[in-house]
Protein backbone atom coordinates (compact mmCIF):
# COMPACT_ATOMS: atom_id res chain seq x y z
CA ILE A 1 89.37 122.88 99.07
CA SER A 2 87.61 126.74 98.97
CA PHE A 3 85.59 127.63 95.66
CA ASP A 4 84.05 130.73 93.64
CA ALA A 5 80.89 129.19 95.13
CA SER A 6 79.34 131.62 91.36
CA ARG A 7 81.42 129.36 89.41
CA LYS A 8 80.10 125.46 91.35
CA ASP A 9 78.80 124.35 88.07
CA GLU A 10 81.64 125.08 85.75
CA PHE A 11 83.55 123.62 88.65
CA MET A 12 81.24 120.21 89.35
CA ALA A 13 81.16 119.68 85.66
CA TYR A 14 85.16 120.10 85.64
CA ALA A 15 85.34 117.16 87.93
CA ASP A 16 83.11 115.43 85.79
CA SER A 17 85.53 115.44 83.04
CA MET A 18 88.42 114.17 84.91
CA ARG A 19 86.46 110.54 86.12
CA SER A 20 88.02 109.04 83.35
CA GLU A 21 91.62 110.17 84.53
CA MET A 22 90.69 109.67 88.41
CA LYS A 23 89.44 106.58 87.44
CA GLN A 24 92.89 105.57 86.03
CA ILE A 25 94.92 105.64 89.13
CA THR A 26 96.37 103.12 90.47
CA GLY A 27 94.37 101.36 93.52
CA VAL A 28 92.00 104.20 93.72
CA GLN A 29 88.75 102.80 94.92
CA SER A 30 86.36 105.29 95.62
CA ILE A 31 87.02 109.84 95.39
CA HIS A 32 83.98 111.54 96.91
CA LEU A 33 83.85 115.75 96.78
CA ILE A 34 81.65 115.97 99.87
CA GLU A 35 80.11 120.37 100.05
CA THR A 36 80.02 121.10 103.50
CA GLY A 37 79.04 125.18 102.65
CA GLU A 38 78.59 128.12 100.29
CA GLY A 39 82.30 127.49 98.49
CA GLU A 40 83.87 124.75 100.41
CA ALA A 41 83.84 121.03 100.01
CA THR A 42 86.06 118.52 101.11
CA GLY A 43 87.26 115.90 99.63
CA VAL A 44 88.46 112.09 100.47
CA ALA A 45 89.68 109.78 97.98
CA ILE A 46 90.44 105.88 99.23
CA TYR A 47 93.13 103.94 98.22
CA ASP A 48 93.51 100.08 98.30
CA SER A 49 97.58 100.53 100.07
CA LYS A 50 99.11 104.52 101.86
CA THR A 51 101.95 102.92 99.50
CA SER A 52 99.33 103.07 96.48
CA ALA A 53 98.13 106.84 97.67
CA ASP A 54 101.92 108.14 97.60
CA GLU A 55 102.38 106.79 94.16
CA ALA A 56 99.19 108.76 92.68
CA LEU A 57 99.64 112.12 94.10
CA PRO A 58 101.38 113.28 91.22
CA GLN A 59 98.80 112.30 88.89
CA ILE A 60 96.09 114.34 91.85
CA GLN A 61 98.49 117.15 91.85
CA LYS A 62 97.71 117.33 87.75
CA ILE A 63 94.02 117.11 88.75
CA MET A 64 93.55 119.56 91.19
CA GLY A 65 96.32 122.06 89.17
CA GLY A 66 93.26 121.85 86.63
CA MET A 67 91.16 122.70 89.41
CA ALA A 68 92.80 125.90 90.69
CA GLN A 69 91.08 128.21 88.57
CA PHE A 70 88.07 127.64 90.78
CA PHE A 71 89.51 127.38 94.04
CA THR A 72 90.01 130.54 96.07
CA ALA A 73 92.57 129.54 98.80
CA PRO A 74 94.79 127.22 97.76
CA PRO A 75 94.26 123.38 98.63
CA GLU A 76 94.79 122.35 102.84
CA LEU A 77 96.52 118.04 101.70
CA LYS A 78 96.10 115.86 105.02
CA LEU A 79 96.96 112.31 104.91
CA GLY A 80 95.97 109.66 107.63
CA PRO A 81 94.10 106.00 108.07
CA VAL A 82 91.08 104.97 108.22
CA GLN A 83 90.17 104.64 111.96
CA TRP A 84 87.21 103.30 111.13
CA SER A 85 84.57 102.45 107.79
CA MET A 86 81.27 100.87 108.57
């Protein structure tokens, strides 16, 4: 995700305001947003199954649509299985 670094606090406040909606997504186990540089972040969502992830896509797109006001480029969505964890 590329976002307007000058609006980082607003972006994080918006994300916080969406916590209850995100917690209601069926199958979601965790969601993390990792700041990887100034105005740059990577989001990682873990689901209980690929089916749950696929079914959650409309909800995720709605939430991301609300975050679009902070983006400086369209987000790039990538899906895949967990290869290793600890």
